[in-house]
């Protein structure tokens, strides 16, 4: 089992991580990707990130606003909605419970 499974693990939790990345205020795609990379999650390409942002916007968890820039291309800024904050709180709790269960199993397995 030499395959690196981190990409598939990330896929399962990326929506939650994007929501968490927006708790500090509004942000745009490149900045969100940089925040995730700085957290040690690797480089998230636009082809992965933007569908997540679109899905979160369609679900009402984030709202977006396009702004024209003085220089360079305009940017689409995203921020959490109240529903997004509530979903983040609920799903974070569920993820942490899941993480605890995984850690328990892995720790028990390592001790054998």
Protein backbone atom coordinates (compact mmCIF):
# COMPACT_ATOMS: atom_id res chain seq x y z
CA UNK A 1 0.00 0.00 0.00
CA UNK A 2 2.56 2.54 -1.14
CA UNK A 3 -0.02 4.94 -2.62
CA UNK A 4 -0.28 8.32 -0.93
CA UNK A 5 -3.89 8.65 0.21
CA UNK A 6 -3.72 12.32 1.28
CA UNK A 7 -5.42 13.57 -1.90
CA UNK A 8 -8.47 11.38 -1.32
CA UNK A 9 -8.57 12.32 2.38
CA UNK A 10 -8.43 16.00 1.45
CA UNK A 11 -11.24 15.61 -1.06
CA UNK A 12 -13.51 14.39 1.72
CA UNK A 13 -12.90 17.37 3.96
CA UNK A 14 -12.07 20.22 1.56
CA UNK A 15 -15.51 21.87 1.83
CA UNK A 16 -15.11 22.07 5.59
CA UNK A 17 -11.55 23.42 5.30
CA UNK A 18 -12.63 26.13 2.86
CA UNK A 19 -15.38 27.20 5.26
CA UNK A 20 -12.86 27.26 8.11
CA UNK A 21 -10.50 29.32 5.98
CA UNK A 22 -13.16 32.00 5.63
CA UNK A 23 -13.76 32.49 9.36
CA UNK A 24 -11.24 35.34 9.44
CA UNK A 25 -13.21 37.32 6.86
CA UNK A 26 -13.68 37.53 3.13
CA UNK A 27 -11.11 36.14 0.77
CA UNK A 28 -10.60 35.25 -2.89
CA UNK A 29 -9.60 31.98 -4.52
CA UNK A 30 -5.83 32.39 -4.70
CA UNK A 31 -5.69 33.63 -1.10
CA UNK A 32 -7.83 30.69 0.09
CA UNK A 33 -5.53 28.24 -1.72
CA UNK A 34 -2.50 29.90 -0.12
CA UNK A 35 -4.06 29.65 3.35
CA UNK A 36 -4.67 25.93 2.82
CA UNK A 37 -1.12 25.41 1.52
CA UNK A 38 0.33 27.35 4.48
CA UNK A 39 -1.61 25.03 6.80
CA UNK A 40 0.31 22.09 5.32
CA UNK A 41 -2.43 20.78 3.05
CA UNK A 42 -0.45 21.09 -0.17
CA UNK A 43 -1.20 23.06 -3.29
CA UNK A 44 -4.90 23.12 -4.13
CA UNK A 45 -5.33 23.88 -7.81
CA UNK A 46 -8.08 26.12 -9.14
CA UNK A 47 -9.72 23.17 -10.92
CA UNK A 48 -10.29 21.66 -7.47
CA UNK A 49 -10.95 24.80 -5.42
CA UNK A 50 -13.39 26.72 -7.61
CA UNK A 51 -15.93 23.88 -7.94
CA UNK A 52 -15.90 23.66 -4.12
CA UNK A 53 -16.49 27.42 -3.82
CA UNK A 54 -19.31 27.24 -6.40
CA UNK A 55 -20.92 24.32 -4.57
CA UNK A 56 -20.71 26.17 -1.23
CA UNK A 57 -22.21 29.27 -2.82
CA UNK A 58 -25.09 27.29 -4.38
CA UNK A 59 -25.75 25.73 -0.97
CA UNK A 60 -25.96 29.20 0.62
CA UNK A 61 -22.94 28.59 2.86
CA UNK A 62 -20.83 31.34 1.28
CA UNK A 63 -21.73 34.41 -0.71
CA UNK A 64 -19.58 35.91 -3.42
CA UNK A 65 -19.04 39.34 -4.88
CA UNK A 66 -17.03 40.21 -7.98
CA UNK A 67 -14.89 43.32 -7.66
CA UNK A 68 -13.07 45.14 -10.40
CA UNK A 69 -9.41 45.76 -9.53
CA UNK A 70 -7.44 48.97 -10.18
CA UNK A 71 -4.71 46.85 -11.74
CA UNK A 72 -5.00 43.35 -13.12
CA UNK A 73 -8.08 41.20 -13.36
CA UNK A 74 -11.06 41.53 -11.04
CA UNK A 75 -11.55 39.06 -8.23
CA UNK A 76 -14.45 37.17 -6.79
CA UNK A 77 -14.47 37.59 -2.99
CA UNK A 78 -16.14 34.96 -0.83
CA UNK A 79 -17.41 35.22 2.73
CA UNK A 80 -19.29 32.96 5.11
CA UNK A 81 -23.03 33.34 5.50
CA UNK A 82 -24.75 32.72 8.83
CA UNK A 83 -25.78 29.32 7.49
CA UNK A 84 -22.15 28.66 6.56
CA UNK A 85 -21.01 29.46 10.10
CA UNK A 86 -23.65 27.14 11.57
CA UNK A 87 -22.70 24.36 9.14
CA UNK A 88 -19.02 24.84 9.94
CA UNK A 89 -19.70 24.55 13.68
CA UNK A 90 -21.81 21.42 13.26
CA UNK A 91 -19.57 19.68 10.74
CA UNK A 92 -16.38 20.57 12.63
CA UNK A 93 -17.74 18.79 15.68
CA UNK A 94 -18.61 15.73 13.62
CA UNK A 95 -15.18 15.74 11.93
CA UNK A 96 -13.37 15.98 15.28
CA UNK A 97 -15.38 13.01 16.61
CA UNK A 98 -14.47 11.06 13.47
CA UNK A 99 -10.82 12.08 13.82
CA UNK A 100 -10.81 10.86 17.42
CA UNK A 101 -12.20 7.48 16.33
CA UNK A 102 -9.59 7.15 13.58
CA UNK A 103 -6.78 8.06 15.99
CA UNK A 104 -8.03 5.47 18.47
CA UNK A 105 -8.02 2.74 15.84
CA UNK A 106 -4.61 3.73 14.49
CA UNK A 107 -3.11 3.90 17.96
CA UNK A 108 -4.52 0.48 18.87
CA UNK A 109 -3.26 -0.94 15.58
CA UNK A 110 0.25 0.45 16.14
CA UNK A 111 0.39 -1.19 19.57
CA UNK A 112 -0.16 -4.71 18.26
